[in-house]
Amino acid sequence: MTMSKGNDRTIYRRASDQKWIDKRNDASRGFAFDTQADAITSGREKLTNAGGGELTVKGRNGQIRSKDTLGGGNDPMPPRDREH
């Protein structure tokens, strides 16, 4: 269960021009970047500034590569992060 406040973001590769897109999940458009790393950095910054949320990163094949919950709240029993 996420702390969804409408701040969750997804990073994915746009097929039409091969750009990496950082997009808020409820938005119609996102921010385009030449590299996946730049898009991830942008997504992390925007989530942190918005008070937290979940960042989902998709690979070139469109499958989810990783998920990370950022910022917000003081969970007394946070899940153990096995990815980072």
C-alpha atoms as a PDB file:
ATOM      1  CA  MET A   1       0.000   0.000   0.000  1.00  0.00           C
ATOM      2  CA  THR A   2       1.407   3.362  -1.008  1.00  0.00           C
ATOM      3  CA  MET A   3       0.970   6.765   0.528  1.00  0.00           C
ATOM      4  CA  SER A   4      -0.728   7.891  -2.667  1.00  0.00           C
ATOM      5  CA  LYS A   5      -1.667  11.549  -2.721  1.00  0.00           C
ATOM      6  CA  GLY A   6      -1.668  11.802  -6.476  1.00  0.00           C
ATOM      7  CA  ASN A   7       2.083  12.373  -6.414  1.00  0.00           C
ATOM      8  CA  ASP A   8       3.139   8.969  -7.775  1.00  0.00           C
ATOM      9  CA  ARG A   9       5.328   9.145 -10.895  1.00  0.00           C
ATOM     10  CA  THR A  10       6.368   6.746 -13.649  1.00  0.00           C
ATOM     11  CA  ILE A  11       9.523   6.799 -15.770  1.00  0.00           C
ATOM     12  CA  TYR A  12       9.177   5.122 -19.177  1.00  0.00           C
ATOM     13  CA  ARG A  13      10.536   5.236 -22.729  1.00  0.00           C
ATOM     14  CA  ARG A  14       8.322   6.845 -25.347  1.00  0.00           C
ATOM     15  CA  ALA A  15       8.263   4.721 -28.487  1.00  0.00           C
ATOM     16  CA  SER A  16       7.720   7.568 -30.969  1.00  0.00           C
ATOM     17  CA  ASP A  17      11.049   9.348 -30.331  1.00  0.00           C
ATOM     18  CA  GLN A  18      12.898   7.088 -27.841  1.00  0.00           C
ATOM     19  CA  LYS A  19      12.886   9.829 -25.168  1.00  0.00           C
ATOM     20  CA  TRP A  20      12.612   8.932 -21.469  1.00  0.00           C
ATOM     21  CA  ILE A  21       9.515  10.434 -19.863  1.00  0.00           C
ATOM     22  CA  ASP A  22       9.032  11.452 -16.206  1.00  0.00           C
ATOM     23  CA  LYS A  23       5.258  11.671 -15.753  1.00  0.00           C
ATOM     24  CA  ARG A  24       2.948  12.087 -12.778  1.00  0.00           C
ATOM     25  CA  ASN A  25       0.522   9.163 -12.973  1.00  0.00           C
ATOM     26  CA  ASP A  26      -2.599  11.338 -13.169  1.00  0.00           C
ATOM     27  CA  ALA A  27      -1.134  13.796 -15.699  1.00  0.00           C
ATOM     28  CA  SER A  28      -1.682  13.737 -19.447  1.00  0.00           C
ATOM     29  CA  ARG A  29       1.882  14.806 -20.319  1.00  0.00           C
ATOM     30  CA  GLY A  30       5.297  14.479 -18.742  1.00  0.00           C
ATOM     31  CA  PHE A  31       8.839  15.810 -18.981  1.00  0.00           C
ATOM     32  CA  ALA A  32      11.094  14.368 -21.739  1.00  0.00           C
ATOM     33  CA  PHE A  33      14.779  13.493 -21.246  1.00  0.00           C
ATOM     34  CA  ASP A  34      17.499  11.966 -23.417  1.00  0.00           C
ATOM     35  CA  THR A  35      18.626   9.513 -20.727  1.00  0.00           C
ATOM     36  CA  GLN A  36      16.819   7.330 -18.242  1.00  0.00           C
ATOM     37  CA  ALA A  37      19.130   8.556 -15.453  1.00  0.00           C
ATOM     38  CA  ASP A  38      18.086  12.183 -16.067  1.00  0.00           C
ATOM     39  CA  ALA A  39      14.400  11.207 -16.001  1.00  0.00           C
ATOM     40  CA  ILE A  40      14.865   9.275 -12.732  1.00  0.00           C
ATOM     41  CA  THR A  41      16.684  12.222 -11.131  1.00  0.00           C
ATOM     42  CA  SER A  42      13.854  14.531 -12.181  1.00  0.00           C
ATOM     43  CA  GLY A  43      11.211  12.164 -10.823  1.00  0.00           C
ATOM     44  CA  ARG A  44      12.980  11.800  -7.467  1.00  0.00           C
ATOM     45  CA  GLU A  45      13.327  15.574  -7.080  1.00  0.00           C
ATOM     46  CA  LYS A  46       9.684  16.213  -7.932  1.00  0.00           C
ATOM     47  CA  LEU A  47       8.452  13.525  -5.527  1.00  0.00           C
ATOM     48  CA  THR A  48      10.648  14.800  -2.709  1.00  0.00           C
ATOM     49  CA  ASN A  49       9.448  18.382  -3.259  1.00  0.00           C
ATOM     50  CA  ALA A  50       5.807  17.207  -3.360  1.00  0.00           C
ATOM     51  CA  GLY A  51       6.107  15.463   0.006  1.00  0.00           C
ATOM     52  CA  GLY A  52       6.673  11.907  -1.187  1.00  0.00           C
ATOM     53  CA  GLY A  53       5.106   9.203  -3.288  1.00  0.00           C
ATOM     54  CA  GLU A  54       6.058   6.161  -5.324  1.00  0.00           C
ATOM     55  CA  LEU A  55       8.486   6.247  -8.259  1.00  0.00           C
ATOM     56  CA  THR A  56       8.014   3.423 -10.772  1.00  0.00           C
ATOM     57  CA  VAL A  57      10.770   2.908 -13.353  1.00  0.00           C
ATOM     58  CA  LYS A  58      10.102   0.905 -16.499  1.00  0.00           C
ATOM     59  CA  GLY A  59      12.872  -0.510 -18.680  1.00  0.00           C
ATOM     60  CA  ARG A  60      13.263  -0.333 -22.463  1.00  0.00           C
ATOM     61  CA  ASN A  61      10.897  -3.306 -22.805  1.00  0.00           C
ATOM     62  CA  GLY A  62       8.127  -1.521 -20.887  1.00  0.00           C
ATOM     63  CA  GLN A  63       8.251  -3.868 -17.899  1.00  0.00           C
ATOM     64  CA  ILE A  64       8.596  -2.471 -14.391  1.00  0.00           C
ATOM     65  CA  ARG A  65      12.276  -2.436 -13.428  1.00  0.00           C
ATOM     66  CA  SER A  66      11.990  -0.947  -9.963  1.00  0.00           C
ATOM     67  CA  LYS A  67       9.688   0.812  -7.519  1.00  0.00           C
ATOM     68  CA  ASP A  68      10.778   3.153  -4.770  1.00  0.00           C
ATOM     69  CA  THR A  69       8.732   5.008  -2.164  1.00  0.00           C
ATOM     70  CA  LEU A  70      10.190   8.412  -1.352  1.00  0.00           C
ATOM     71  CA  GLY A  71       9.644  10.909   1.447  1.00  0.00           C
ATOM     72  CA  GLY A  72       6.577  11.648   3.490  1.00  0.00           C
ATOM     73  CA  GLY A  73       5.401  10.304   6.820  1.00  0.00           C
ATOM     74  CA  ASN A  74       7.170   8.601   9.695  1.00  0.00           C
ATOM     75  CA  ASP A  75       6.247   4.939   9.387  1.00  0.00           C
ATOM     76  CA  PRO A  76       7.167   3.220  12.678  1.00  0.00           C
ATOM     77  CA  MET A  77       7.443  -0.135  10.851  1.00  0.00           C
ATOM     78  CA  PRO A  78       8.850   0.673   7.380  1.00  0.00           C
ATOM     79  CA  PRO A  79       9.333  -2.233   4.973  1.00  0.00           C
ATOM     80  CA  ARG A  80      12.874  -3.509   4.662  1.00  0.00           C
ATOM     81  CA  ASP A  81      14.257  -2.267   1.340  1.00  0.00           C
ATOM     82  CA  ARG A  82      15.918  -5.161  -0.445  1.00  0.00           C
ATOM     83  CA  GLU A  83      16.666  -3.189  -3.601  1.00  0.00           C
ATOM     84  CA  HIS A  84      18.733  -0.165  -2.504  1.00  0.00           C
END
